[in-house]
Amino acid sequence: MKSSIAKYFWGFNERALIEAQKALVDPDHPRFPAYSVTLLSRCQKPKELFSLFSKKHFIENWPKIKSYWLKLERRSELRSWWEAIYAQIKGESGNHQETEKTDPSALFKDIGRLIRGARVQKNMSQNDLAARSGMKQPDISKIEEGRKNITLGTLAVLCKVLGIKEIKLD
């Protein structure tokens, strides 16, 4: 693992790389959160990350990593992106110990389906929609899943980009 983490911990000497390697597999290590945040902020490929440590290890330790990351910076596009990866993996694993505090309302789900349908019909990726609307891809994902409360202004921007002229609420 040491050689494979070196590309994420540039500037580390051999001793520091060995410490980082040990810390990344030991959640009780005092530097575990710091090294994890460094790794996640520099690794943007889940497949590579999960070659360094298991999905189970990621799921079990994400709350600790996220908490530390929030202390470092309140807003982080990459943290939001990894949060979406965490939610996706957790959903796939069927592990629902830490469920959302409240279920998304049916209205958010309906609007999310409408937005996703219009995006797919226009043959746009979530990244395309994010770029055209001035948003971030993880936010588009959360909106489409009905997990993000959006303002009317955000809804108007998305509707304009997607050519949605009417939304019917039942």
N, C-alpha and C. Protein backbone atom coordinates (compact mmCIF):
# COMPACT_ATOMS: atom_id res chain seq x y z
N MET A 1 0.84 -1.20 0.00
CA MET A 1 0.00 0.00 0.00
C MET A 1 0.88 1.24 0.00
N LYS A 2 2.02 1.19 0.63
CA LYS A 2 2.87 2.38 0.79
C LYS A 2 3.16 3.04 -0.55
N SER A 3 3.58 2.25 -1.54
CA SER A 3 3.92 2.84 -2.83
C SER A 3 2.69 3.41 -3.52
N SER A 4 1.53 2.79 -3.31
CA SER A 4 0.33 3.30 -3.96
C SER A 4 -0.21 4.57 -3.29
N ILE A 5 0.12 4.80 -2.01
CA ILE A 5 -0.35 6.05 -1.39
C ILE A 5 0.61 7.19 -1.64
N ALA A 6 1.82 6.89 -2.09
CA ALA A 6 2.82 7.95 -2.30
C ALA A 6 2.33 9.01 -3.27
N LYS A 7 1.55 8.62 -4.26
CA LYS A 7 1.07 9.61 -5.23
C LYS A 7 0.06 10.58 -4.63
N TYR A 8 -0.52 10.22 -3.48
CA TYR A 8 -1.47 11.11 -2.81
C TYR A 8 -0.82 11.91 -1.68
N PHE A 9 0.34 11.48 -1.26
CA PHE A 9 1.04 12.14 -0.17
C PHE A 9 2.39 12.65 -0.66
N TRP A 10 2.33 13.48 -1.69
CA TRP A 10 3.57 14.02 -2.25
C TRP A 10 4.28 14.86 -1.21
N GLY A 11 5.58 14.81 -1.26
CA GLY A 11 6.38 15.54 -0.29
C GLY A 11 6.65 14.77 0.98
N PHE A 12 6.04 13.60 1.14
CA PHE A 12 6.28 12.80 2.33
C PHE A 12 7.56 11.99 2.12
N ASN A 13 8.39 11.93 3.16
CA ASN A 13 9.55 11.06 3.08
C ASN A 13 9.11 9.62 3.39
N GLU A 14 10.04 8.69 3.32
CA GLU A 14 9.71 7.26 3.50
C GLU A 14 9.08 6.99 4.88
N ARG A 15 9.64 7.61 5.92
CA ARG A 15 9.10 7.41 7.27
C ARG A 15 7.67 7.94 7.39
N ALA A 16 7.42 9.12 6.83
CA ALA A 16 6.08 9.71 6.89
C ALA A 16 5.07 8.87 6.09
N LEU A 17 5.50 8.31 4.97
CA LEU A 17 4.62 7.44 4.19
C LEU A 17 4.26 6.18 4.98
N ILE A 18 5.21 5.63 5.70
CA ILE A 18 4.94 4.44 6.53
C ILE A 18 3.94 4.80 7.63
N GLU A 19 4.12 5.98 8.25
CA GLU A 19 3.16 6.40 9.28
C GLU A 19 1.77 6.60 8.69
N ALA A 20 1.69 7.23 7.53
CA ALA A 20 0.40 7.45 6.87
C ALA A 20 -0.26 6.11 6.55
N GLN A 21 0.53 5.17 6.05
CA GLN A 21 0.02 3.84 5.72
C GLN A 21 -0.58 3.18 6.96
N LYS A 22 0.13 3.23 8.08
CA LYS A 22 -0.36 2.63 9.32
C LYS A 22 -1.63 3.35 9.82
N ALA A 23 -1.63 4.66 9.74
CA ALA A 23 -2.76 5.44 10.23
C ALA A 23 -4.02 5.18 9.41
N LEU A 24 -3.88 5.03 8.11
CA LEU A 24 -5.05 4.85 7.24
C LEU A 24 -5.80 3.54 7.50
N VAL A 25 -5.15 2.56 8.08
CA VAL A 25 -5.83 1.30 8.37
C VAL A 25 -6.23 1.19 9.84
N ASP A 26 -5.90 2.20 10.64
CA ASP A 26 -6.20 2.17 12.07
C ASP A 26 -7.01 3.41 12.46
N PRO A 27 -8.35 3.27 12.51
CA PRO A 27 -9.20 4.43 12.84
C PRO A 27 -8.92 5.04 14.22
N ASP A 28 -8.25 4.29 15.09
CA ASP A 28 -7.92 4.83 16.42
C ASP A 28 -6.61 5.61 16.43
N HIS A 29 -5.89 5.56 15.33
CA HIS A 29 -4.64 6.30 15.22
C HIS A 29 -4.96 7.80 15.27
N PRO A 30 -4.21 8.58 16.05
CA PRO A 30 -4.54 10.01 16.18
C PRO A 30 -4.51 10.78 14.86
N ARG A 31 -3.75 10.33 13.88
CA ARG A 31 -3.66 11.03 12.60
C ARG A 31 -4.58 10.43 11.54
N PHE A 32 -5.39 9.41 11.91
CA PHE A 32 -6.28 8.77 10.94
C PHE A 32 -7.17 9.77 10.20
N PRO A 33 -7.90 10.65 10.92
CA PRO A 33 -8.78 11.59 10.20
C PRO A 33 -8.01 12.52 9.27
N ALA A 34 -6.88 13.03 9.71
CA ALA A 34 -6.11 13.97 8.89
C ALA A 34 -5.59 13.30 7.62
N TYR A 35 -5.01 12.11 7.77
CA TYR A 35 -4.50 11.41 6.59
C TYR A 35 -5.64 10.99 5.67
N SER A 36 -6.78 10.61 6.23
CA SER A 36 -7.93 10.22 5.41
C SER A 36 -8.44 11.39 4.59
N VAL A 37 -8.53 12.56 5.21
CA VAL A 37 -8.99 13.75 4.49
C VAL A 37 -7.99 14.10 3.38
N THR A 38 -6.71 14.02 3.67
CA THR A 38 -5.70 14.28 2.63
C THR A 38 -5.88 13.33 1.47
N LEU A 39 -6.04 12.05 1.77
CA LEU A 39 -6.22 11.05 0.72
C LEU A 39 -7.48 11.33 -0.09
N LEU A 40 -8.61 11.55 0.59
CA LEU A 40 -9.88 11.76 -0.11
C LEU A 40 -9.90 13.06 -0.90
N SER A 41 -9.16 14.04 -0.46
CA SER A 41 -9.14 15.31 -1.18
C SER A 41 -8.23 15.25 -2.41
N ARG A 42 -7.42 14.21 -2.49
CA ARG A 42 -6.50 14.07 -3.64
C ARG A 42 -6.85 12.89 -4.53
N CYS A 43 -7.67 11.99 -4.05
CA CYS A 43 -8.07 10.81 -4.83
C CYS A 43 -9.52 11.02 -5.27
N GLN A 44 -9.73 11.05 -6.56
CA GLN A 44 -11.07 11.29 -7.07
C GLN A 44 -11.61 10.08 -7.82
N LYS A 45 -11.03 8.92 -7.56
CA LYS A 45 -11.46 7.69 -8.21
C LYS A 45 -11.78 6.66 -7.14
N PRO A 46 -13.07 6.38 -6.93
CA PRO A 46 -13.44 5.41 -5.90
C PRO A 46 -12.73 4.06 -6.06
N LYS A 47 -12.57 3.63 -7.30
CA LYS A 47 -11.90 2.34 -7.53
C LYS A 47 -10.49 2.35 -6.94
N GLU A 48 -9.77 3.45 -7.13
CA GLU A 48 -8.42 3.56 -6.56
C GLU A 48 -8.48 3.61 -5.04
N LEU A 49 -9.42 4.40 -4.50
CA LEU A 49 -9.52 4.49 -3.05
C LEU A 49 -9.77 3.11 -2.46
N PHE A 50 -10.69 2.34 -3.06
CA PHE A 50 -11.05 1.06 -2.49
C PHE A 50 -10.01 -0.02 -2.78
N SER A 51 -8.99 0.33 -3.55
CA SER A 51 -7.84 -0.57 -3.65
C SER A 51 -6.88 -0.30 -2.48
N LEU A 52 -7.04 0.87 -1.83
CA LEU A 52 -6.19 1.22 -0.70
C LEU A 52 -6.80 0.77 0.62
N PHE A 53 -8.12 0.94 0.76
CA PHE A 53 -8.82 0.32 1.88
C PHE A 53 -10.23 -0.03 1.47
N SER A 54 -10.83 -0.97 2.17
CA SER A 54 -12.09 -1.58 1.75
C SER A 54 -13.27 -0.61 1.85
N LYS A 55 -14.32 -0.96 1.10
CA LYS A 55 -15.56 -0.18 1.19
C LYS A 55 -16.11 -0.22 2.61
N LYS A 56 -15.99 -1.38 3.25
CA LYS A 56 -16.48 -1.52 4.62
C LYS A 56 -15.74 -0.55 5.55
N HIS A 57 -14.44 -0.48 5.39
CA HIS A 57 -13.61 0.44 6.20
C HIS A 57 -14.05 1.89 5.95
N PHE A 58 -14.31 2.23 4.69
CA PHE A 58 -14.76 3.57 4.32
C PHE A 58 -16.11 3.87 4.98
N ILE A 59 -17.07 2.95 4.86
CA ILE A 59 -18.41 3.16 5.41
C ILE A 59 -18.36 3.32 6.93
N GLU A 60 -17.60 2.44 7.58
CA GLU A 60 -17.53 2.49 9.04
C GLU A 60 -16.89 3.78 9.56
N ASN A 61 -15.95 4.33 8.79
CA ASN A 61 -15.19 5.47 9.28
C ASN A 61 -15.55 6.81 8.65
N TRP A 62 -16.46 6.81 7.67
CA TRP A 62 -16.84 8.06 7.02
C TRP A 62 -17.34 9.11 8.02
N PRO A 63 -18.20 8.76 8.99
CA PRO A 63 -18.66 9.81 9.92
C PRO A 63 -17.51 10.51 10.64
N LYS A 64 -16.50 9.77 11.06
CA LYS A 64 -15.33 10.36 11.74
C LYS A 64 -14.55 11.24 10.77
N ILE A 65 -14.35 10.75 9.54
CA ILE A 65 -13.60 11.51 8.53
C ILE A 65 -14.36 12.79 8.18
N LYS A 66 -15.65 12.65 7.95
CA LYS A 66 -16.48 13.80 7.58
C LYS A 66 -16.48 14.86 8.68
N SER A 67 -16.59 14.43 9.92
CA SER A 67 -16.57 15.36 11.04
C SER A 67 -15.27 16.16 11.08
N TYR A 68 -14.17 15.48 10.89
CA TYR A 68 -12.87 16.16 10.88
C TYR A 68 -12.79 17.12 9.70
N TRP A 69 -13.24 16.68 8.54
CA TRP A 69 -13.20 17.49 7.32
C TRP A 69 -14.03 18.76 7.49
N LEU A 70 -15.20 18.62 8.14
CA LEU A 70 -16.06 19.79 8.39
C LEU A 70 -15.35 20.82 9.26
N LYS A 71 -14.53 20.36 10.19
CA LYS A 71 -13.77 21.29 11.04
C LYS A 71 -12.74 22.04 10.22
N LEU A 72 -12.18 21.38 9.21
CA LEU A 72 -11.16 22.02 8.38
C LEU A 72 -11.77 23.06 7.43
N GLU A 73 -12.87 22.69 6.81
CA GLU A 73 -13.53 23.60 5.87
C GLU A 73 -15.01 23.29 5.82
N ARG A 74 -15.81 24.32 5.98
CA ARG A 74 -17.27 24.14 6.02
C ARG A 74 -17.82 23.69 4.67
N ARG A 75 -17.29 24.23 3.59
CA ARG A 75 -17.78 23.88 2.26
C ARG A 75 -16.67 23.20 1.50
N SER A 76 -16.97 22.03 0.99
CA SER A 76 -16.00 21.30 0.20
C SER A 76 -16.73 20.48 -0.84
N GLU A 77 -16.46 20.77 -2.09
CA GLU A 77 -17.09 20.03 -3.18
C GLU A 77 -16.69 18.55 -3.12
N LEU A 78 -15.43 18.29 -2.84
CA LEU A 78 -14.98 16.90 -2.78
C LEU A 78 -15.61 16.15 -1.60
N ARG A 79 -15.76 16.82 -0.45
CA ARG A 79 -16.41 16.16 0.68
C ARG A 79 -17.85 15.81 0.32
N SER A 80 -18.54 16.72 -0.35
CA SER A 80 -19.91 16.44 -0.78
C SER A 80 -19.94 15.27 -1.76
N TRP A 81 -18.96 15.23 -2.63
CA TRP A 81 -18.89 14.14 -3.61
C TRP A 81 -18.67 12.80 -2.91
N TRP A 82 -17.73 12.76 -1.94
CA TRP A 82 -17.50 11.52 -1.20
C TRP A 82 -18.71 11.17 -0.34
N GLU A 83 -19.43 12.16 0.15
CA GLU A 83 -20.66 11.91 0.90
C GLU A 83 -21.68 11.18 0.01
N ALA A 84 -21.76 11.61 -1.25
CA ALA A 84 -22.67 10.95 -2.19
C ALA A 84 -22.20 9.51 -2.46
N ILE A 85 -20.90 9.31 -2.58
CA ILE A 85 -20.36 7.95 -2.76
C ILE A 85 -20.70 7.10 -1.54
N TYR A 86 -20.51 7.66 -0.36
CA TYR A 86 -20.83 6.97 0.89
C TYR A 86 -22.30 6.55 0.90
N ALA A 87 -23.19 7.48 0.57
CA ALA A 87 -24.63 7.19 0.58
C ALA A 87 -24.97 6.09 -0.42
N GLN A 88 -24.35 6.15 -1.58
CA GLN A 88 -24.60 5.15 -2.61
C GLN A 88 -24.13 3.77 -2.15
N ILE A 89 -22.93 3.69 -1.63
CA ILE A 89 -22.39 2.40 -1.17
C ILE A 89 -23.21 1.86 0.00
N LYS A 90 -23.55 2.73 0.90
CA LYS A 90 -24.33 2.32 2.06
C LYS A 90 -25.69 1.79 1.64
N GLY A 91 -26.29 2.44 0.65
CA GLY A 91 -27.57 1.98 0.13
C GLY A 91 -27.44 0.62 -0.54
N GLU A 92 -26.34 0.41 -1.27
CA GLU A 92 -26.11 -0.87 -1.93
C GLU A 92 -25.88 -1.98 -0.92
N SER A 93 -25.23 -1.65 0.20
CA SER A 93 -24.89 -2.69 1.17
C SER A 93 -26.09 -3.09 2.03
N GLY A 94 -27.16 -2.27 1.97
CA GLY A 94 -28.34 -2.58 2.78
C GLY A 94 -28.14 -2.25 4.25
N ASN A 95 -27.07 -1.56 4.57
CA ASN A 95 -26.79 -1.18 5.95
C ASN A 95 -27.50 0.14 6.24
N HIS A 96 -28.53 0.08 7.06
CA HIS A 96 -29.33 1.28 7.31
C HIS A 96 -29.27 1.71 8.77
N GLN A 97 -28.13 1.50 9.43
CA GLN A 97 -28.01 1.91 10.81
C GLN A 97 -28.08 3.43 10.95
N GLU A 98 -27.45 4.15 10.02
CA GLU A 98 -27.48 5.61 10.05
C GLU A 98 -28.34 6.10 8.90
N THR A 99 -29.65 6.12 9.09
CA THR A 99 -30.54 6.56 8.03
C THR A 99 -30.68 8.07 8.11
N GLU A 100 -31.24 8.64 7.06
CA GLU A 100 -31.50 10.08 7.06
C GLU A 100 -32.39 10.41 8.25
N LYS A 101 -32.22 11.59 8.82
CA LYS A 101 -33.01 11.99 9.97
C LYS A 101 -34.49 12.09 9.60
N THR A 102 -34.78 12.55 8.40
CA THR A 102 -36.15 12.60 7.93
C THR A 102 -36.17 12.06 6.51
N ASP A 103 -37.24 11.38 6.17
CA ASP A 103 -37.38 10.89 4.80
C ASP A 103 -37.65 12.08 3.89
N PRO A 104 -37.09 12.06 2.71
CA PRO A 104 -37.40 13.15 1.78
C PRO A 104 -38.88 13.11 1.43
N SER A 105 -39.45 14.26 1.30
CA SER A 105 -40.88 14.31 1.01
C SER A 105 -41.16 13.80 -0.39
N ALA A 106 -42.38 13.40 -0.60
CA ALA A 106 -42.80 12.92 -1.92
C ALA A 106 -42.63 14.01 -2.97
N LEU A 107 -42.82 15.25 -2.58
CA LEU A 107 -42.67 16.37 -3.51
C LEU A 107 -41.24 16.47 -4.02
N PHE A 108 -40.25 16.37 -3.11
CA PHE A 108 -38.85 16.42 -3.53
C PHE A 108 -38.52 15.27 -4.47
N LYS A 109 -39.06 14.09 -4.16
CA LYS A 109 -38.82 12.93 -5.03
C LYS A 109 -39.43 13.14 -6.41
N ASP A 110 -40.65 13.68 -6.45
CA ASP A 110 -41.32 13.93 -7.73
C ASP A 110 -40.54 14.95 -8.56
N ILE A 111 -40.10 16.03 -7.92
CA ILE A 111 -39.34 17.05 -8.64
C ILE A 111 -38.01 16.46 -9.11
N GLY A 112 -37.38 15.66 -8.27
CA GLY A 112 -36.14 15.01 -8.65
C GLY A 112 -36.31 14.11 -9.87
N ARG A 113 -37.40 13.34 -9.88
CA ARG A 113 -37.68 12.46 -11.05
C ARG A 113 -37.93 13.29 -12.30
N LEU A 114 -38.64 14.40 -12.16
CA LEU A 114 -38.90 15.28 -13.29
C LEU A 114 -37.59 15.84 -13.86
N ILE A 115 -36.72 16.29 -12.97
CA ILE A 115 -35.44 16.86 -13.40
C ILE A 115 -34.58 15.79 -14.05
N ARG A 116 -34.49 14.61 -13.43
CA ARG A 116 -33.70 13.52 -14.00
C ARG A 116 -34.25 13.14 -15.38
N GLY A 117 -35.57 13.01 -15.48
CA GLY A 117 -36.18 12.64 -16.76
C GLY A 117 -35.87 13.64 -17.86
N ALA A 118 -35.98 14.93 -17.53
CA ALA A 118 -35.69 15.98 -18.53
C ALA A 118 -34.21 15.97 -18.91
N ARG A 119 -33.35 15.74 -17.92
CA ARG A 119 -31.91 15.69 -18.20
C ARG A 119 -31.57 14.52 -19.11
N VAL A 120 -32.10 13.36 -18.80
CA VAL A 120 -31.83 12.16 -19.62
C VAL A 120 -32.39 12.35 -21.02
N GLN A 121 -33.58 12.92 -21.12
CA GLN A 121 -34.21 13.16 -22.43
C GLN A 121 -33.34 14.09 -23.28
N LYS A 122 -32.67 15.02 -22.65
CA LYS A 122 -31.79 15.95 -23.38
C LYS A 122 -30.38 15.37 -23.56
N ASN A 123 -30.21 14.11 -23.13
CA ASN A 123 -28.93 13.41 -23.28
C ASN A 123 -27.79 14.17 -22.58
N MET A 124 -28.09 14.68 -21.38
CA MET A 124 -27.10 15.41 -20.60
C MET A 124 -26.67 14.56 -19.41
N SER A 125 -25.41 14.66 -19.05
CA SER A 125 -24.93 14.02 -17.83
C SER A 125 -25.21 14.95 -16.65
N GLN A 126 -25.07 14.42 -15.45
CA GLN A 126 -25.22 15.28 -14.27
C GLN A 126 -24.14 16.37 -14.29
N ASN A 127 -22.95 16.03 -14.75
CA ASN A 127 -21.88 17.03 -14.84
C ASN A 127 -22.25 18.14 -15.81
N ASP A 128 -22.85 17.76 -16.96
CA ASP A 128 -23.29 18.77 -17.93
C ASP A 128 -24.31 19.72 -17.31
N LEU A 129 -25.30 19.13 -16.63
CA LEU A 129 -26.34 19.96 -16.01
C LEU A 129 -25.74 20.85 -14.93
N ALA A 130 -24.83 20.31 -14.16
CA ALA A 130 -24.18 21.10 -13.11
C ALA A 130 -23.44 22.29 -13.72
N ALA A 131 -22.69 22.05 -14.78
CA ALA A 131 -21.92 23.12 -15.42
C ALA A 131 -22.84 24.19 -16.00
N ARG A 132 -23.90 23.76 -16.64
CA ARG A 132 -24.81 24.73 -17.27
C ARG A 132 -25.66 25.51 -16.27
N SER A 133 -25.86 24.93 -15.10
CA SER A 133 -26.71 25.60 -14.11
C SER A 133 -25.90 26.31 -13.02
N GLY A 134 -24.57 26.15 -13.07
CA GLY A 134 -23.72 26.78 -12.06
C GLY A 134 -23.76 26.06 -10.72
N MET A 135 -24.06 24.77 -10.77
CA MET A 135 -24.14 23.98 -9.54
C MET A 135 -23.02 22.94 -9.52
N LYS A 136 -23.03 22.11 -8.51
CA LYS A 136 -22.06 21.04 -8.38
C LYS A 136 -22.75 19.71 -8.63
N GLN A 137 -22.03 18.78 -9.23
CA GLN A 137 -22.61 17.49 -9.58
C GLN A 137 -23.22 16.75 -8.39
N PRO A 138 -22.56 16.72 -7.22
CA PRO A 138 -23.18 16.02 -6.09
C PRO A 138 -24.54 16.61 -5.71
N ASP A 139 -24.68 17.94 -5.88
CA ASP A 139 -25.97 18.58 -5.58
C ASP A 139 -27.03 18.15 -6.59
N ILE A 140 -26.65 18.04 -7.85
CA ILE A 140 -27.59 17.56 -8.88
C ILE A 140 -28.05 16.15 -8.52
N SER A 141 -27.11 15.30 -8.11
CA SER A 141 -27.44 13.93 -7.71
C SER A 141 -28.44 13.91 -6.56
N LYS A 142 -28.19 14.72 -5.54
CA LYS A 142 -29.08 14.76 -4.38
C LYS A 142 -30.46 15.29 -4.76
N ILE A 143 -30.50 16.28 -5.65
CA ILE A 143 -31.79 16.83 -6.10
C ILE A 143 -32.57 15.75 -6.84
N GLU A 144 -31.91 15.05 -7.74
CA GLU A 144 -32.59 14.01 -8.52
C GLU A 144 -33.09 12.87 -7.65
N GLU A 145 -32.41 12.61 -6.54
CA GLU A 145 -32.85 11.56 -5.62
C GLU A 145 -33.89 12.06 -4.63
N GLY A 146 -34.16 13.37 -4.65
CA GLY A 146 -35.14 13.94 -3.72
C GLY A 146 -34.59 14.11 -2.32
N ARG A 147 -33.26 14.16 -2.19
CA ARG A 147 -32.63 14.27 -0.88
C ARG A 147 -32.14 15.67 -0.58
N LYS A 148 -32.40 16.63 -1.47
CA LYS A 148 -31.93 17.99 -1.25
C LYS A 148 -33.08 18.97 -1.40
N ASN A 149 -33.26 19.78 -0.40
CA ASN A 149 -34.26 20.83 -0.44
C ASN A 149 -33.67 21.98 -1.26
N ILE A 150 -34.37 22.39 -2.30
CA ILE A 150 -33.85 23.46 -3.14
C ILE A 150 -34.78 24.67 -3.10
N THR A 151 -34.21 25.81 -3.40
CA THR A 151 -35.01 27.04 -3.43
C THR A 151 -35.77 27.11 -4.74
N LEU A 152 -36.74 28.00 -4.79
CA LEU A 152 -37.47 28.22 -6.04
C LEU A 152 -36.54 28.78 -7.11
N GLY A 153 -35.57 29.58 -6.69
CA GLY A 153 -34.60 30.12 -7.64
C GLY A 153 -33.78 29.02 -8.29
N THR A 154 -33.32 28.05 -7.49
CA THR A 154 -32.57 26.92 -8.03
C THR A 154 -33.45 26.10 -8.96
N LEU A 155 -34.70 25.87 -8.56
CA LEU A 155 -35.63 25.13 -9.41
C LEU A 155 -35.85 25.86 -10.73
N ALA A 156 -35.97 27.18 -10.68
CA ALA A 156 -36.16 27.97 -11.90
C ALA A 156 -34.95 27.84 -12.83
N VAL A 157 -33.76 27.89 -12.28
CA VAL A 157 -32.53 27.76 -13.09
C VAL A 157 -32.50 26.39 -13.77
N LEU A 158 -32.79 25.34 -12.99
CA LEU A 158 -32.77 23.98 -13.55
C LEU A 158 -33.83 23.83 -14.64
N CYS A 159 -35.01 24.37 -14.39
CA CYS A 159 -36.08 24.29 -15.39
C CYS A 159 -35.70 25.02 -16.67
N LYS A 160 -35.06 26.17 -16.55
CA LYS A 160 -34.65 26.93 -17.73
C LYS A 160 -33.62 26.14 -18.54
N VAL A 161 -32.61 25.60 -17.85
CA VAL A 161 -31.56 24.84 -18.54
C VAL A 161 -32.15 23.61 -19.22
N LEU A 162 -33.12 22.97 -18.57
CA LEU A 162 -33.69 21.71 -19.08
C LEU A 162 -34.89 21.93 -20.00
N GLY A 163 -35.36 23.17 -20.10
CA GLY A 163 -36.51 23.44 -20.94
C GLY A 163 -37.82 22.97 -20.35
N ILE A 164 -37.89 22.86 -19.03
CA ILE A 164 -39.12 22.46 -18.36
C ILE A 164 -40.00 23.70 -18.25
N LYS A 165 -41.17 23.65 -18.87
CA LYS A 165 -42.04 24.83 -18.88
C LYS A 165 -43.15 24.75 -17.85
N GLU A 166 -43.42 23.53 -17.35
CA GLU A 166 -44.53 23.39 -16.43
C GLU A 166 -44.25 22.26 -15.45
N ILE A 167 -44.59 22.50 -14.19
CA ILE A 167 -44.50 21.47 -13.16
C ILE A 167 -45.88 21.34 -12.55
N LYS A 168 -46.41 20.14 -12.60
CA LYS A 168 -47.73 19.89 -12.03
C LYS A 168 -47.56 19.25 -10.67
N LEU A 169 -48.17 19.84 -9.66
CA LEU A 169 -48.13 19.29 -8.31
C LEU A 169 -49.48 18.68 -8.00
N ASP A 170 -49.46 17.45 -7.56
CA ASP A 170 -50.73 16.78 -7.22
C ASP A 170 -51.11 17.00 -5.78
